[in-house]
């Protein structure tokens, strides 16, 4: 039995939005960790919430990963 699909849209209730953010942030960081371990890759994940609080994850030193990113020339951009 599969999960019910949800419609992707902004959650209007502040408390539900915060709970969803916390759960999904944890899940995203867990997936980033798993990807770094399984595929032996470097990952830097940066998240700012609605009140500009910073959350970050790095599989190695964050500064080294960000420096590597800024010096990289052949970038591919993905955004929605």
Protein backbone atom coordinates (compact mmCIF):
# COMPACT_ATOMS: atom_id res chain seq x y z
CA UNK A 1 0.00 0.00 0.00
CA UNK A 2 1.49 3.33 -1.09
CA UNK A 3 1.37 6.76 0.44
CA UNK A 4 -1.22 9.30 -0.49
CA UNK A 5 0.05 11.96 -2.90
CA UNK A 6 -0.12 15.47 -1.58
CA UNK A 7 -0.56 18.63 -3.57
CA UNK A 8 2.59 20.72 -3.39
CA UNK A 9 1.54 24.17 -2.25
CA UNK A 10 2.32 26.52 0.62
CA UNK A 11 0.96 25.37 3.98
CA UNK A 12 -1.17 28.18 5.34
CA UNK A 13 -1.26 27.12 9.00
CA UNK A 14 1.93 28.42 10.68
CA UNK A 15 2.24 25.55 13.17
CA UNK A 16 1.70 22.84 10.53
CA UNK A 17 4.21 24.59 8.26
CA UNK A 18 6.84 24.62 11.03
CA UNK A 19 6.25 20.94 11.87
CA UNK A 20 6.48 20.00 8.19
CA UNK A 21 9.65 22.07 7.78
CA UNK A 22 11.31 20.37 10.75
CA UNK A 23 10.40 16.86 9.56
CA UNK A 24 11.38 17.46 5.95
CA UNK A 25 14.61 19.23 6.92
CA UNK A 26 15.62 16.18 8.94
CA UNK A 27 14.68 13.87 6.05
CA UNK A 28 16.63 15.97 3.54
CA UNK A 29 19.73 15.97 5.74
CA UNK A 30 19.44 12.21 6.23
CA UNK A 31 19.20 11.69 2.45
CA UNK A 32 22.23 13.96 1.93
CA UNK A 33 24.21 11.89 4.44
CA UNK A 34 23.12 8.61 2.83
CA UNK A 35 24.07 9.85 -0.64
CA UNK A 36 27.50 10.95 0.57
CA UNK A 37 28.17 7.56 2.19
CA UNK A 38 26.72 5.34 -0.55
CA UNK A 39 28.27 7.22 -3.47
CA UNK A 40 31.43 8.54 -1.78
CA UNK A 41 30.68 12.13 -2.77
CA UNK A 42 31.01 15.51 -1.11
CA UNK A 43 27.77 17.26 -0.21
CA UNK A 44 27.01 20.69 1.18
CA UNK A 45 23.41 21.48 2.07
CA UNK A 46 22.39 24.99 3.16
CA UNK A 47 18.87 25.84 4.32
CA UNK A 48 17.45 29.14 5.53
CA UNK A 49 14.02 29.05 7.14
CA UNK A 50 11.42 31.81 6.90
CA UNK A 51 13.06 33.75 9.74
CA UNK A 52 16.53 33.45 8.15
CA UNK A 53 17.81 30.86 10.62
CA UNK A 54 20.61 28.83 9.04
CA UNK A 55 20.71 25.03 8.97
CA UNK A 56 23.57 23.26 7.26
CA UNK A 57 25.02 19.84 6.58
CA UNK A 58 28.34 18.98 4.99
CA UNK A 59 29.77 15.52 4.41
CA UNK A 60 33.26 17.00 4.81
CA UNK A 61 34.45 20.46 5.82
CA UNK A 62 31.82 22.99 4.68
CA UNK A 63 34.41 25.65 3.84
CA UNK A 64 36.36 23.26 1.60
CA UNK A 65 33.22 22.17 -0.26
CA UNK A 66 32.08 25.76 -0.78
CA UNK A 67 35.55 26.81 -1.96
CA UNK A 68 35.55 23.92 -4.40
CA UNK A 69 32.12 25.04 -5.62
CA UNK A 70 33.14 28.67 -6.15
CA UNK A 71 36.26 27.64 -8.07
CA UNK A 72 34.39 25.19 -10.32
CA UNK A 73 33.82 26.48 -13.87
CA UNK A 74 31.53 23.95 -15.58
CA UNK A 75 28.42 24.49 -13.42
CA UNK A 76 25.05 22.93 -14.12
CA UNK A 77 22.06 24.75 -12.67
CA UNK A 78 18.84 23.09 -11.58
CA UNK A 79 16.03 25.12 -10.12
CA UNK A 80 12.27 25.16 -10.15
